[in-house]
């Protein structure tokens, strides 16, 4: 059984990695925008990245004042999945190059939580990705993909 200290260390690590990944994604997308035209609105992408930073700061704040690490881990994974879905949607849905972020969230869930939560995270990631694709395909939300099937 893991101790509360180990859980807090993992959750702090998760916040730091989230900030690192958001920074790398922002830097890469801003560099790509300088050299090639992008299909999606860069302002909305930057706003979603800033939302990710705000969520990270909130989780860091929550980590210092709330002692329930299991609930915090679930909360962080759910917010990560929603953030990944937003990023995949805004960068093109089916054409997005950020689809690799879903397996990262599933791997983190398998590290932080029991096995059943890893399976639930994988199922939720599948549902969210399918929802993004279906909503774009049926034009319920505006699609930012380069192609339309």
N, C-alpha and C. Protein backbone atom coordinates (compact mmCIF):
# COMPACT_ATOMS: atom_id res chain seq x y z
N UNK A 1 0.84 -1.18 0.00
CA UNK A 1 0.00 0.00 0.00
C UNK A 1 0.89 1.24 0.00
N UNK A 2 0.57 2.19 -0.83
CA UNK A 2 1.34 3.42 -0.89
C UNK A 2 0.98 4.33 0.28
N UNK A 3 1.95 5.11 0.72
CA UNK A 3 1.69 6.05 1.80
C UNK A 3 1.11 7.34 1.22
N UNK A 4 0.59 8.17 2.10
CA UNK A 4 0.03 9.45 1.68
C UNK A 4 1.13 10.34 1.13
N UNK A 5 2.34 10.23 1.72
CA UNK A 5 3.46 11.03 1.24
C UNK A 5 3.79 10.69 -0.21
N UNK A 6 3.82 9.40 -0.55
CA UNK A 6 4.09 8.99 -1.93
C UNK A 6 3.02 9.52 -2.88
N UNK A 7 1.77 9.46 -2.46
CA UNK A 7 0.69 9.98 -3.30
C UNK A 7 0.84 11.47 -3.54
N UNK A 8 1.21 12.19 -2.50
CA UNK A 8 1.38 13.64 -2.63
C UNK A 8 2.57 13.96 -3.55
N UNK A 9 3.62 13.15 -3.46
CA UNK A 9 4.78 13.35 -4.34
C UNK A 9 4.38 13.09 -5.80
N UNK A 10 3.61 12.03 -6.03
CA UNK A 10 3.16 11.72 -7.39
C UNK A 10 2.25 12.82 -7.93
N UNK A 11 1.36 13.32 -7.08
CA UNK A 11 0.44 14.37 -7.54
C UNK A 11 1.19 15.67 -7.83
N UNK A 12 2.19 15.99 -7.02
CA UNK A 12 3.01 17.16 -7.30
C UNK A 12 3.77 16.97 -8.60
N UNK A 13 4.30 15.77 -8.80
CA UNK A 13 4.99 15.45 -10.05
C UNK A 13 4.06 15.60 -11.24
N UNK A 14 2.82 15.16 -11.09
CA UNK A 14 1.84 15.25 -12.18
C UNK A 14 1.57 16.71 -12.55
N UNK A 15 1.46 17.59 -11.57
CA UNK A 15 1.25 19.01 -11.85
C UNK A 15 2.45 19.57 -12.60
N UNK A 16 3.66 19.23 -12.18
CA UNK A 16 4.86 19.73 -12.84
C UNK A 16 4.96 19.23 -14.28
N UNK A 17 4.64 17.97 -14.49
CA UNK A 17 4.68 17.41 -15.85
C UNK A 17 3.60 18.05 -16.72
N UNK A 18 2.42 18.31 -16.14
CA UNK A 18 1.36 18.97 -16.91
C UNK A 18 1.81 20.35 -17.37
N UNK A 19 2.45 21.10 -16.47
CA UNK A 19 2.95 22.43 -16.83
C UNK A 19 4.03 22.32 -17.90
N UNK A 20 4.90 21.34 -17.79
CA UNK A 20 5.96 21.14 -18.79
C UNK A 20 5.37 20.80 -20.15
N UNK A 21 4.41 19.90 -20.19
CA UNK A 21 3.79 19.50 -21.46
C UNK A 21 3.04 20.67 -22.08
N UNK A 22 2.31 21.44 -21.27
CA UNK A 22 1.60 22.60 -21.79
C UNK A 22 2.57 23.63 -22.38
N UNK A 23 3.69 23.83 -21.71
CA UNK A 23 4.68 24.79 -22.19
C UNK A 23 5.30 24.33 -23.50
N UNK A 24 5.63 23.04 -23.59
CA UNK A 24 6.21 22.50 -24.82
C UNK A 24 5.20 22.59 -25.97
N UNK A 25 3.94 22.25 -25.71
CA UNK A 25 2.92 22.33 -26.75
C UNK A 25 2.73 23.77 -27.22
N UNK A 26 2.71 24.70 -26.29
CA UNK A 26 2.55 26.11 -26.66
C UNK A 26 3.73 26.58 -27.50
N UNK A 27 4.93 26.23 -27.09
CA UNK A 27 6.12 26.64 -27.85
C UNK A 27 6.15 26.05 -29.24
N UNK A 28 5.82 24.77 -29.36
CA UNK A 28 5.84 24.12 -30.67
C UNK A 28 4.78 24.72 -31.58
N UNK A 29 3.58 24.91 -31.07
CA UNK A 29 2.50 25.46 -31.91
C UNK A 29 2.79 26.90 -32.33
N UNK A 30 3.36 27.69 -31.43
CA UNK A 30 3.70 29.06 -31.81
C UNK A 30 4.81 29.09 -32.86
N UNK A 31 5.76 28.16 -32.76
CA UNK A 31 6.82 28.08 -33.77
C UNK A 31 6.27 27.60 -35.10
N UNK A 32 5.37 26.63 -35.07
CA UNK A 32 4.77 26.14 -36.31
C UNK A 32 3.95 27.23 -36.98
N UNK A 33 3.24 28.03 -36.18
CA UNK A 33 2.42 29.10 -36.74
C UNK A 33 3.27 30.15 -37.46
N UNK A 34 4.49 30.36 -37.02
CA UNK A 34 5.36 31.34 -37.66
C UNK A 34 5.79 30.93 -39.06
N UNK A 35 5.88 29.61 -39.31
CA UNK A 35 6.42 29.13 -40.58
C UNK A 35 5.39 28.55 -41.52
N UNK A 36 4.27 28.07 -41.00
CA UNK A 36 3.23 27.49 -41.84
C UNK A 36 1.86 27.99 -41.38
N UNK A 37 0.91 28.04 -42.27
CA UNK A 37 -0.44 28.43 -41.85
C UNK A 37 -1.10 27.29 -41.06
N UNK A 38 -1.82 27.64 -40.02
CA UNK A 38 -2.53 26.64 -39.22
C UNK A 38 -4.02 26.77 -39.51
N UNK A 39 -4.72 25.65 -39.38
CA UNK A 39 -6.14 25.60 -39.72
C UNK A 39 -7.01 26.09 -38.56
N UNK A 40 -6.52 25.94 -37.34
CA UNK A 40 -7.32 26.28 -36.17
C UNK A 40 -6.97 27.68 -35.66
N UNK A 41 -7.87 28.30 -34.91
CA UNK A 41 -7.59 29.65 -34.39
C UNK A 41 -6.56 29.59 -33.26
N UNK A 42 -5.45 30.28 -33.45
CA UNK A 42 -4.36 30.23 -32.48
C UNK A 42 -4.77 30.89 -31.16
N UNK A 43 -5.62 31.90 -31.22
CA UNK A 43 -6.06 32.57 -29.99
C UNK A 43 -6.80 31.59 -29.08
N UNK A 44 -7.67 30.78 -29.65
CA UNK A 44 -8.41 29.81 -28.86
C UNK A 44 -7.47 28.74 -28.29
N UNK A 45 -6.47 28.35 -29.06
CA UNK A 45 -5.48 27.39 -28.58
C UNK A 45 -4.72 27.95 -27.38
N UNK A 46 -4.30 29.20 -27.47
CA UNK A 46 -3.57 29.84 -26.36
C UNK A 46 -4.48 29.96 -25.13
N UNK A 47 -5.76 30.26 -25.33
CA UNK A 47 -6.69 30.35 -24.21
C UNK A 47 -6.86 29.00 -23.52
N UNK A 48 -6.88 27.91 -24.29
CA UNK A 48 -7.00 26.58 -23.70
C UNK A 48 -5.72 26.23 -22.94
N UNK A 49 -4.57 26.62 -23.47
CA UNK A 49 -3.31 26.40 -22.75
C UNK A 49 -3.31 27.19 -21.44
N UNK A 50 -3.79 28.43 -21.48
CA UNK A 50 -3.87 29.24 -20.25
C UNK A 50 -4.85 28.62 -19.26
N UNK A 51 -5.93 28.04 -19.76
CA UNK A 51 -6.86 27.31 -18.89
C UNK A 51 -6.13 26.13 -18.24
N UNK A 52 -5.29 25.44 -19.00
CA UNK A 52 -4.51 24.34 -18.44
C UNK A 52 -3.56 24.80 -17.36
N UNK A 53 -2.93 25.96 -17.56
CA UNK A 53 -2.07 26.51 -16.51
C UNK A 53 -2.88 26.84 -15.27
N UNK A 54 -4.05 27.42 -15.45
CA UNK A 54 -4.90 27.76 -14.30
C UNK A 54 -5.34 26.50 -13.55
N UNK A 55 -5.67 25.46 -14.28
CA UNK A 55 -6.05 24.20 -13.64
C UNK A 55 -4.87 23.63 -12.87
N UNK A 56 -3.67 23.73 -13.42
CA UNK A 56 -2.47 23.24 -12.73
C UNK A 56 -2.23 24.00 -11.43
N UNK A 57 -2.37 25.31 -11.48
CA UNK A 57 -2.18 26.11 -10.26
C UNK A 57 -3.26 25.77 -9.23
N UNK A 58 -4.48 25.56 -9.69
CA UNK A 58 -5.55 25.16 -8.79
C UNK A 58 -5.24 23.83 -8.12
N UNK A 59 -4.75 22.86 -8.90
CA UNK A 59 -4.41 21.55 -8.32
C UNK A 59 -3.25 21.67 -7.34
N UNK A 60 -2.29 22.50 -7.63
CA UNK A 60 -1.16 22.71 -6.72
C UNK A 60 -1.65 23.36 -5.42
N UNK A 61 -2.53 24.33 -5.54
CA UNK A 61 -3.12 24.97 -4.37
C UNK A 61 -3.92 23.97 -3.56
N UNK A 62 -4.72 23.15 -4.24
CA UNK A 62 -5.55 22.15 -3.58
C UNK A 62 -4.70 21.10 -2.88
N UNK A 63 -3.57 20.77 -3.46
CA UNK A 63 -2.68 19.76 -2.90
C UNK A 63 -2.12 20.18 -1.55
N UNK A 64 -1.91 21.47 -1.36
CA UNK A 64 -1.35 21.95 -0.11
C UNK A 64 -2.38 22.09 1.00
N UNK A 65 -3.67 22.20 0.65
CA UNK A 65 -4.67 22.46 1.66
C UNK A 65 -5.68 21.33 1.85
N UNK A 66 -5.68 20.34 0.98
CA UNK A 66 -6.64 19.26 1.10
C UNK A 66 -5.89 17.96 1.21
N UNK A 67 -6.23 17.11 2.14
CA UNK A 67 -5.45 15.92 2.45
C UNK A 67 -5.90 14.65 1.72
N UNK A 68 -7.03 14.67 1.07
CA UNK A 68 -7.54 13.45 0.42
C UNK A 68 -6.86 13.27 -0.93
N UNK A 69 -5.81 12.47 -0.95
CA UNK A 69 -5.02 12.34 -2.17
C UNK A 69 -5.72 11.51 -3.24
N UNK A 70 -6.52 10.53 -2.85
CA UNK A 70 -7.20 9.70 -3.84
C UNK A 70 -8.22 10.53 -4.62
N UNK A 71 -8.97 11.36 -3.94
CA UNK A 71 -9.95 12.22 -4.61
C UNK A 71 -9.24 13.24 -5.49
N UNK A 72 -8.10 13.75 -5.02
CA UNK A 72 -7.33 14.70 -5.82
C UNK A 72 -6.79 14.04 -7.08
N UNK A 73 -6.36 12.79 -6.97
CA UNK A 73 -5.85 12.08 -8.15
C UNK A 73 -6.95 11.90 -9.19
N UNK A 74 -8.13 11.52 -8.73
CA UNK A 74 -9.25 11.36 -9.66
C UNK A 74 -9.62 12.70 -10.28
N UNK A 75 -9.64 13.75 -9.48
CA UNK A 75 -9.96 15.08 -9.98
C UNK A 75 -8.94 15.55 -11.01
N UNK A 76 -7.66 15.30 -10.75
CA UNK A 76 -6.63 15.69 -11.70
C UNK A 76 -6.75 14.91 -13.01
N UNK A 77 -7.03 13.62 -12.91
CA UNK A 77 -7.16 12.82 -14.14
C UNK A 77 -8.38 13.22 -14.95
N UNK A 78 -9.49 13.52 -14.28
CA UNK A 78 -10.67 13.96 -15.02
C UNK A 78 -10.43 15.31 -15.70
N UNK A 79 -9.77 16.22 -14.99
CA UNK A 79 -9.48 17.52 -15.62
C UNK A 79 -8.48 17.36 -16.75
N UNK A 80 -7.54 16.42 -16.61
CA UNK A 80 -6.59 16.16 -17.70
C UNK A 80 -7.31 15.63 -18.93
N UNK A 81 -8.23 14.71 -18.74
CA UNK A 81 -8.96 14.16 -19.88
C UNK A 81 -9.80 15.24 -20.58
N UNK A 82 -10.43 16.11 -19.80
CA UNK A 82 -11.20 17.18 -20.42
C UNK A 82 -10.30 18.17 -21.15
N UNK A 83 -9.15 18.47 -20.57
CA UNK A 83 -8.19 19.37 -21.21
C UNK A 83 -7.64 18.76 -22.49
N UNK A 84 -7.33 17.48 -22.45
CA UNK A 84 -6.84 16.79 -23.65
C UNK A 84 -7.91 16.80 -24.74
N UNK A 85 -9.16 16.57 -24.35
CA UNK A 85 -10.24 16.59 -25.34
C UNK A 85 -10.40 17.97 -25.97
N UNK A 86 -10.28 19.01 -25.17
CA UNK A 86 -10.33 20.37 -25.72
C UNK A 86 -9.17 20.62 -26.68
N UNK A 87 -7.98 20.19 -26.31
CA UNK A 87 -6.82 20.40 -27.17
C UNK A 87 -6.93 19.61 -28.48
N UNK A 88 -7.42 18.38 -28.38
CA UNK A 88 -7.59 17.58 -29.59
C UNK A 88 -8.66 18.20 -30.48
N UNK A 89 -9.74 18.68 -29.88
CA UNK A 89 -10.80 19.32 -30.67
C UNK A 89 -10.29 20.55 -31.39
N UNK A 90 -9.61 21.43 -30.67
CA UNK A 90 -9.22 22.71 -31.26
C UNK A 90 -8.11 22.54 -32.30
N UNK A 91 -7.30 21.49 -32.18
CA UNK A 91 -6.21 21.30 -33.13
C UNK A 91 -6.60 20.42 -34.31
N UNK A 92 -7.86 20.12 -34.46
CA UNK A 92 -8.28 19.45 -35.68
C UNK A 92 -9.03 18.16 -35.52
N UNK A 93 -9.34 17.72 -34.32
CA UNK A 93 -10.12 16.51 -34.14
C UNK A 93 -9.41 15.28 -34.67
N UNK A 94 -9.92 14.72 -35.74
CA UNK A 94 -9.34 13.50 -36.31
C UNK A 94 -7.96 13.77 -36.92
N UNK A 95 -7.72 14.99 -37.37
CA UNK A 95 -6.43 15.34 -37.95
C UNK A 95 -5.42 15.83 -36.92
N UNK A 96 -5.80 15.86 -35.66
CA UNK A 96 -4.93 16.41 -34.62
C UNK A 96 -3.70 15.55 -34.40
N UNK A 97 -2.59 16.22 -34.12
CA UNK A 97 -1.38 15.49 -33.79
C UNK A 97 -1.22 15.34 -32.28
N UNK A 98 -2.21 15.71 -31.52
CA UNK A 98 -2.14 15.63 -30.07
C UNK A 98 -2.91 14.44 -29.50
N UNK A 99 -3.24 13.48 -30.34
CA UNK A 99 -3.96 12.30 -29.88
C UNK A 99 -3.15 11.47 -28.89
N UNK A 100 -1.82 11.63 -28.91
CA UNK A 100 -0.95 10.86 -28.01
C UNK A 100 -1.15 11.25 -26.54
N UNK A 101 -1.84 12.35 -26.28
CA UNK A 101 -2.05 12.78 -24.90
C UNK A 101 -3.06 11.88 -24.16
N UNK A 102 -3.96 11.24 -24.88
CA UNK A 102 -4.89 10.31 -24.23
C UNK A 102 -4.16 9.14 -23.58
N UNK A 103 -3.28 8.43 -24.29
CA UNK A 103 -2.56 7.33 -23.61
C UNK A 103 -1.70 7.81 -22.44
N UNK A 104 -1.17 9.03 -22.50
CA UNK A 104 -0.42 9.55 -21.36
C UNK A 104 -1.30 9.66 -20.12
N UNK A 105 -2.52 10.13 -20.30
CA UNK A 105 -3.45 10.23 -19.16
C UNK A 105 -3.81 8.85 -18.62
N UNK A 106 -3.95 7.87 -19.50
CA UNK A 106 -4.26 6.51 -19.06
C UNK A 106 -3.08 5.91 -18.30
N UNK A 107 -1.86 6.16 -18.76
CA UNK A 107 -0.68 5.66 -18.06
C UNK A 107 -0.56 6.28 -16.68
N UNK A 108 -0.82 7.57 -16.58
CA UNK A 108 -0.78 8.23 -15.26
C UNK A 108 -1.85 7.66 -14.35
N UNK A 109 -3.02 7.38 -14.88
CA UNK A 109 -4.08 6.77 -14.07
C UNK A 109 -3.66 5.40 -13.57
N UNK A 110 -2.96 4.64 -14.39
CA UNK A 110 -2.53 3.31 -13.94
C UNK A 110 -1.42 3.40 -12.89
N UNK A 111 -0.68 4.51 -12.86
CA UNK A 111 0.35 4.69 -11.84
C UNK A 111 -0.26 5.16 -10.53
N UNK A 112 -1.17 6.11 -10.59
CA UNK A 112 -1.69 6.75 -9.39
C UNK A 112 -2.82 5.98 -8.71
N UNK A 113 -3.63 5.29 -9.49
CA UNK A 113 -4.86 4.72 -8.96
C UNK A 113 -4.90 3.21 -9.15
N UNK A 114 -5.84 2.53 -8.49
CA UNK A 114 -5.98 1.09 -8.69
C UNK A 114 -6.37 0.74 -10.13
N UNK A 115 -6.27 -0.53 -10.44
CA UNK A 115 -6.47 -1.01 -11.80
C UNK A 115 -7.82 -0.62 -12.38
N UNK A 116 -8.88 -0.68 -11.58
CA UNK A 116 -10.21 -0.37 -12.09
C UNK A 116 -10.28 1.08 -12.57
N UNK A 117 -9.58 1.98 -11.90
CA UNK A 117 -9.58 3.37 -12.32
C UNK A 117 -8.83 3.56 -13.63
N UNK A 118 -7.81 2.76 -13.85
CA UNK A 118 -7.10 2.84 -15.13
C UNK A 118 -8.03 2.43 -16.27
N UNK A 119 -8.82 1.37 -16.04
CA UNK A 119 -9.77 0.94 -17.06
C UNK A 119 -10.88 1.98 -17.27
N UNK A 120 -11.34 2.58 -16.17
CA UNK A 120 -12.36 3.61 -16.28
C UNK A 120 -11.82 4.85 -17.01
N UNK A 121 -10.57 5.18 -16.76
CA UNK A 121 -9.94 6.30 -17.45
C UNK A 121 -9.83 6.01 -18.94
N UNK A 122 -9.44 4.79 -19.28
CA UNK A 122 -9.35 4.42 -20.69
C UNK A 122 -10.72 4.47 -21.36
N UNK A 123 -11.74 4.00 -20.67
CA UNK A 123 -13.09 4.05 -21.23
C UNK A 123 -13.56 5.49 -21.41
N UNK A 124 -13.29 6.32 -20.43
CA UNK A 124 -13.70 7.72 -20.53
C UNK A 124 -12.93 8.44 -21.63
N UNK A 125 -11.65 8.12 -21.79
CA UNK A 125 -10.86 8.72 -22.88
C UNK A 125 -11.44 8.30 -24.23
N UNK A 126 -11.82 7.05 -24.36
CA UNK A 126 -12.43 6.57 -25.60
C UNK A 126 -13.75 7.30 -25.88
N UNK A 127 -14.56 7.47 -24.85
CA UNK A 127 -15.85 8.15 -25.02
C UNK A 127 -15.65 9.61 -25.39
N UNK A 128 -14.71 10.29 -24.72
CA UNK A 128 -14.47 11.70 -25.01
C UNK A 128 -13.90 11.90 -26.42
N UNK A 129 -12.98 11.03 -26.82
CA UNK A 129 -12.43 11.15 -28.17
C UNK A 129 -13.50 10.87 -29.22
N UNK A 130 -14.32 9.86 -28.98
CA UNK A 130 -15.43 9.59 -29.89
C UNK A 130 -16.42 10.74 -29.95
N UNK A 131 -16.67 11.37 -28.80
CA UNK A 131 -17.58 12.51 -28.78
C UNK A 131 -17.02 13.67 -29.57
N UNK A 132 -15.74 13.93 -29.44
CA UNK A 132 -15.11 15.01 -30.21
C UNK A 132 -15.24 14.73 -31.70
N UNK A 133 -14.95 13.51 -32.11
CA UNK A 133 -15.03 13.17 -33.53
C UNK A 133 -16.45 13.23 -34.06
N UNK A 134 -17.40 12.71 -33.29
CA UNK A 134 -18.79 12.70 -33.75
C UNK A 134 -19.38 14.11 -33.79
N UNK A 135 -19.08 14.92 -32.79
CA UNK A 135 -19.61 16.28 -32.79
C UNK A 135 -19.05 17.08 -33.96
N UNK A 136 -17.80 16.86 -34.31
CA UNK A 136 -17.23 17.55 -35.47
C UNK A 136 -17.79 16.99 -36.77
N UNK A 137 -17.94 15.68 -36.84
CA UNK A 137 -18.42 15.06 -38.07
C UNK A 137 -19.84 15.51 -38.41
N UNK A 138 -20.71 15.53 -37.42
CA UNK A 138 -22.09 15.92 -37.66
C UNK A 138 -22.30 17.42 -37.57
N UNK A 139 -21.23 18.17 -37.48
CA UNK A 139 -21.21 19.63 -37.49
C UNK A 139 -22.09 20.25 -36.41
N UNK A 140 -22.10 19.59 -35.26
CA UNK A 140 -22.79 20.16 -34.10
C UNK A 140 -21.93 21.27 -33.50
N UNK A 141 -20.62 21.08 -33.54
CA UNK A 141 -19.66 22.11 -33.16
C UNK A 141 -18.81 22.40 -34.39
N UNK A 142 -18.25 23.60 -34.50
CA UNK A 142 -17.43 23.89 -35.68
C UNK A 142 -16.20 22.99 -35.73
N UNK A 143 -15.88 22.52 -36.91
CA UNK A 143 -14.75 21.63 -37.07
C UNK A 143 -13.53 22.43 -37.53
N UNK A 144 -12.38 22.14 -36.92
CA UNK A 144 -11.13 22.79 -37.28
C UNK A 144 -10.19 21.85 -38.01
N UNK A 145 -10.71 20.71 -38.47
CA UNK A 145 -9.86 19.75 -39.18
C UNK A 145 -9.63 20.21 -40.61
N UNK A 146 -8.53 19.76 -41.17
CA UNK A 146 -8.17 20.13 -42.53
C UNK A 146 -9.02 19.38 -43.55
N UNK A 147 -9.49 18.20 -43.18
CA UNK A 147 -10.30 17.38 -44.08
C UNK A 147 -11.65 17.13 -43.44
N UNK A 148 -12.63 16.79 -44.24
CA UNK A 148 -13.94 16.39 -43.74
C UNK A 148 -14.36 15.14 -44.49
N UNK A 149 -14.57 14.05 -43.76
CA UNK A 149 -14.93 12.80 -44.45
C UNK A 149 -16.31 12.86 -45.09
